[in-house]
Amino acid sequence: MKLKIIFLTLSLQSFNVSLSFVVRPARSLKTLLNDKLSSDDTNRERALDLLSETRKRTNGNCLRYDGSTIDTKQNREIWGGNAGKILSFLPSKIPNEDSLLWQVYTEAIMYKTSSKGIVKGISSGSAFAFLKAVDNLVKNHAKQDNGVAFIFDGAYHLAAPWPAKS
């Protein structure tokens, strides 16, 4: 019972932390998927909008209260299709002081890794890119979005199979 409460708490925290980010008023998906524009501000907004759209369409890749995932074929296709586009909208070198862009980068890497499926993402080594991004968030942007880095880290370790889970 206590374990189920921890999962529920983690899922609810993830939902509450990111609620304002999820409900960003987004342009149409067709507009979001157009090629990069030259303006960094426009690309930043496109990354935020597409990330918001990805969260809405796939429930933010949250764990369910019972510890199960929403790792469906349809969600993996959405994550795989959108993650690369989100990353392409971000600057090649994100300024260290830009906590929001580091959060967007980390979440996009999570979607890119998750699009392969949990086991394949770990066995291919791409999960390490996500863990490195989470580590950066924890060390340099711990207060970003009420500590979302800790939610990313905890959710990874809850969802990952053994031995990563251990």
Protein backbone atom coordinates (compact mmCIF):
# COMPACT_ATOMS: atom_id res chain seq x y z
CA MET A 1 0.00 0.00 0.00
CA LYS A 2 2.77 2.42 0.92
CA LEU A 3 4.47 1.78 -2.43
CA LYS A 4 1.26 2.60 -4.34
CA ILE A 5 0.97 5.88 -2.41
CA ILE A 6 4.53 6.80 -3.40
CA PHE A 7 3.73 6.15 -7.09
CA LEU A 8 0.52 8.17 -6.84
CA THR A 9 2.31 11.02 -5.09
CA LEU A 10 5.05 11.04 -7.73
CA SER A 11 2.49 11.06 -10.56
CA LEU A 12 0.46 13.82 -8.93
CA GLN A 13 3.57 15.88 -8.26
CA SER A 14 4.61 15.49 -11.87
CA PHE A 15 1.16 16.57 -13.01
CA ASN A 16 0.97 19.55 -10.64
CA VAL A 17 4.52 20.74 -11.28
CA SER A 18 4.01 20.83 -15.00
CA LEU A 19 0.37 21.86 -15.25
CA SER A 20 1.06 25.47 -16.23
CA PHE A 21 3.56 24.25 -18.81
CA VAL A 22 1.15 21.69 -20.27
CA VAL A 23 -1.69 24.13 -20.87
CA ARG A 24 0.31 26.64 -22.88
CA PRO A 25 -1.90 27.95 -25.65
CA ALA A 26 -0.35 26.24 -28.65
CA ARG A 27 -0.63 27.09 -32.32
CA SER A 28 -1.82 24.37 -34.65
CA LEU A 29 0.33 21.25 -34.81
CA LYS A 30 0.95 21.89 -38.51
CA THR A 31 2.41 25.32 -37.68
CA LEU A 32 4.59 23.81 -34.94
CA LEU A 33 6.11 21.24 -37.27
CA ASN A 34 7.19 23.72 -39.96
CA ASP A 35 10.91 24.20 -40.54
CA LYS A 36 13.07 26.23 -38.19
CA LEU A 37 12.76 29.98 -38.32
CA SER A 38 15.82 32.16 -37.94
CA SER A 39 14.67 33.88 -34.76
CA ASP A 40 15.92 32.29 -31.52
CA ASP A 41 12.85 33.61 -29.69
CA THR A 42 10.50 32.07 -32.25
CA ASN A 43 12.35 28.75 -32.04
CA ARG A 44 12.19 28.88 -28.25
CA GLU A 45 8.43 29.37 -28.41
CA ARG A 46 8.08 26.58 -30.97
CA ALA A 47 10.03 24.21 -28.72
CA LEU A 48 7.82 25.10 -25.76
CA ASP A 49 4.63 24.77 -27.81
CA LEU A 50 5.58 21.43 -29.33
CA LEU A 51 6.68 20.09 -25.95
CA SER A 52 3.34 21.18 -24.50
CA GLU A 53 1.50 19.48 -27.37
CA THR A 54 3.54 16.30 -26.85
CA ARG A 55 2.68 16.29 -23.15
CA LYS A 56 -1.02 16.75 -23.83
CA ARG A 57 -1.20 14.01 -26.45
CA THR A 58 0.73 11.43 -24.38
CA ASN A 59 -0.04 12.34 -20.74
CA GLY A 60 3.52 13.57 -20.30
CA ASN A 61 4.97 10.03 -20.19
CA CYS A 62 3.91 9.82 -16.53
CA LEU A 63 3.96 6.70 -14.43
CA ARG A 64 0.57 5.46 -13.30
CA TYR A 65 -0.25 5.05 -9.62
CA ASP A 66 0.48 1.31 -9.86
CA GLY A 67 3.93 1.87 -11.39
CA SER A 68 2.92 0.96 -14.92
CA THR A 69 3.92 3.15 -17.85
CA ILE A 70 2.08 4.64 -20.81
CA ASP A 71 4.76 3.25 -23.09
CA THR A 72 2.42 2.40 -25.99
CA LYS A 73 3.34 2.10 -29.66
CA GLN A 74 1.25 5.20 -30.46
CA ASN A 75 2.94 7.27 -27.74
CA ARG A 76 6.40 6.09 -28.81
CA GLU A 77 5.64 7.26 -32.35
CA ILE A 78 4.57 10.69 -31.08
CA TRP A 79 7.63 10.96 -28.82
CA GLY A 80 9.98 9.88 -31.58
CA GLY A 81 8.43 12.25 -34.10
CA ASN A 82 8.38 15.28 -31.82
CA ALA A 83 11.55 14.91 -29.74
CA GLY A 84 13.96 15.52 -32.60
CA LYS A 85 11.97 18.52 -33.75
CA ILE A 86 11.93 20.01 -30.23
CA LEU A 87 15.70 19.51 -29.98
CA SER A 88 16.17 21.15 -33.39
CA PHE A 89 14.42 24.28 -32.12
CA LEU A 90 16.86 24.63 -29.20
CA PRO A 91 20.18 26.45 -29.57
CA SER A 92 23.19 24.19 -30.10
CA LYS A 93 24.65 25.53 -26.83
CA ILE A 94 22.03 26.29 -24.21
CA PRO A 95 23.12 29.09 -21.87
CA ASN A 96 23.72 27.58 -18.43
CA GLU A 97 21.56 30.24 -16.77
CA ASP A 98 18.48 29.34 -18.87
CA SER A 99 16.76 26.87 -16.54
CA LEU A 100 13.65 26.57 -18.69
CA LEU A 101 15.57 25.56 -21.81
CA TRP A 102 17.53 22.99 -19.81
CA GLN A 103 14.23 21.55 -18.64
CA VAL A 104 12.92 21.47 -22.22
CA TYR A 105 16.15 19.82 -23.41
CA THR A 106 15.97 17.18 -20.66
CA GLU A 107 12.35 16.36 -21.35
CA ALA A 108 12.95 16.16 -25.10
CA ILE A 109 15.84 13.75 -24.48
CA MET A 110 13.50 11.72 -22.27
CA TYR A 111 10.94 11.50 -25.09
CA LYS A 112 13.65 10.61 -27.62
CA THR A 113 14.90 7.82 -25.35
CA SER A 114 11.39 6.62 -24.47
CA SER A 115 10.41 6.45 -28.14
CA LYS A 116 12.68 3.40 -28.41
CA GLY A 117 10.96 1.64 -25.52
CA ILE A 118 12.33 1.43 -22.00
CA VAL A 119 14.54 -1.63 -22.38
CA LYS A 120 15.96 -0.65 -25.78
CA GLY A 121 16.56 2.92 -24.57
CA ILE A 122 18.64 1.62 -21.68
CA SER A 123 20.44 -1.11 -23.59
CA SER A 124 21.33 1.23 -26.47
CA GLY A 125 22.94 3.69 -24.08
CA SER A 126 20.64 6.58 -24.99
CA ALA A 127 19.25 6.58 -21.46
CA PHE A 128 22.64 7.84 -20.32
CA ALA A 129 22.11 11.08 -22.28
CA PHE A 130 18.88 11.55 -20.35
CA LEU A 131 20.54 10.81 -17.01
CA LYS A 132 23.32 13.27 -17.85
CA ALA A 133 20.73 15.96 -18.63
CA VAL A 134 18.88 15.17 -15.38
CA ASP A 135 22.16 15.39 -13.48
CA ASN A 136 22.74 18.85 -14.97
CA LEU A 137 19.24 19.94 -13.92
CA VAL A 138 19.75 18.63 -10.38
CA LYS A 139 23.15 20.31 -9.99
CA ASN A 140 22.47 23.62 -11.72
CA HIS A 141 18.70 24.13 -11.81
CA ALA A 142 17.31 22.22 -8.83
CA LYS A 143 14.51 24.74 -8.22
CA GLN A 144 13.34 24.83 -11.85
CA ASP A 145 9.62 24.07 -12.10
CA ASN A 146 9.49 23.17 -8.39
CA GLY A 147 12.24 20.57 -8.65
CA VAL A 148 11.15 18.78 -11.81
CA ALA A 149 14.67 17.31 -12.12
CA PHE A 150 14.01 15.15 -9.08
CA ILE A 151 10.74 13.94 -10.58
CA PHE A 152 12.52 13.03 -13.83
CA ASP A 153 15.21 11.18 -11.87
CA GLY A 154 12.77 9.35 -9.59
CA ALA A 155 10.44 8.40 -12.44
CA TYR A 156 13.36 6.99 -14.44
CA HIS A 157 14.45 4.79 -11.57
CA LEU A 158 10.89 3.63 -10.88
CA ALA A 159 10.21 2.75 -14.54
CA ALA A 160 13.59 1.29 -15.48
CA PRO A 161 13.98 -2.48 -15.33
CA TRP A 162 16.54 -4.15 -13.12
CA PRO A 163 19.47 -3.47 -12.68
CA ALA A 164 18.93 0.23 -13.41
CA LYS A 165 15.91 0.20 -11.12
CA SER A 166 17.86 -1.23 -8.19
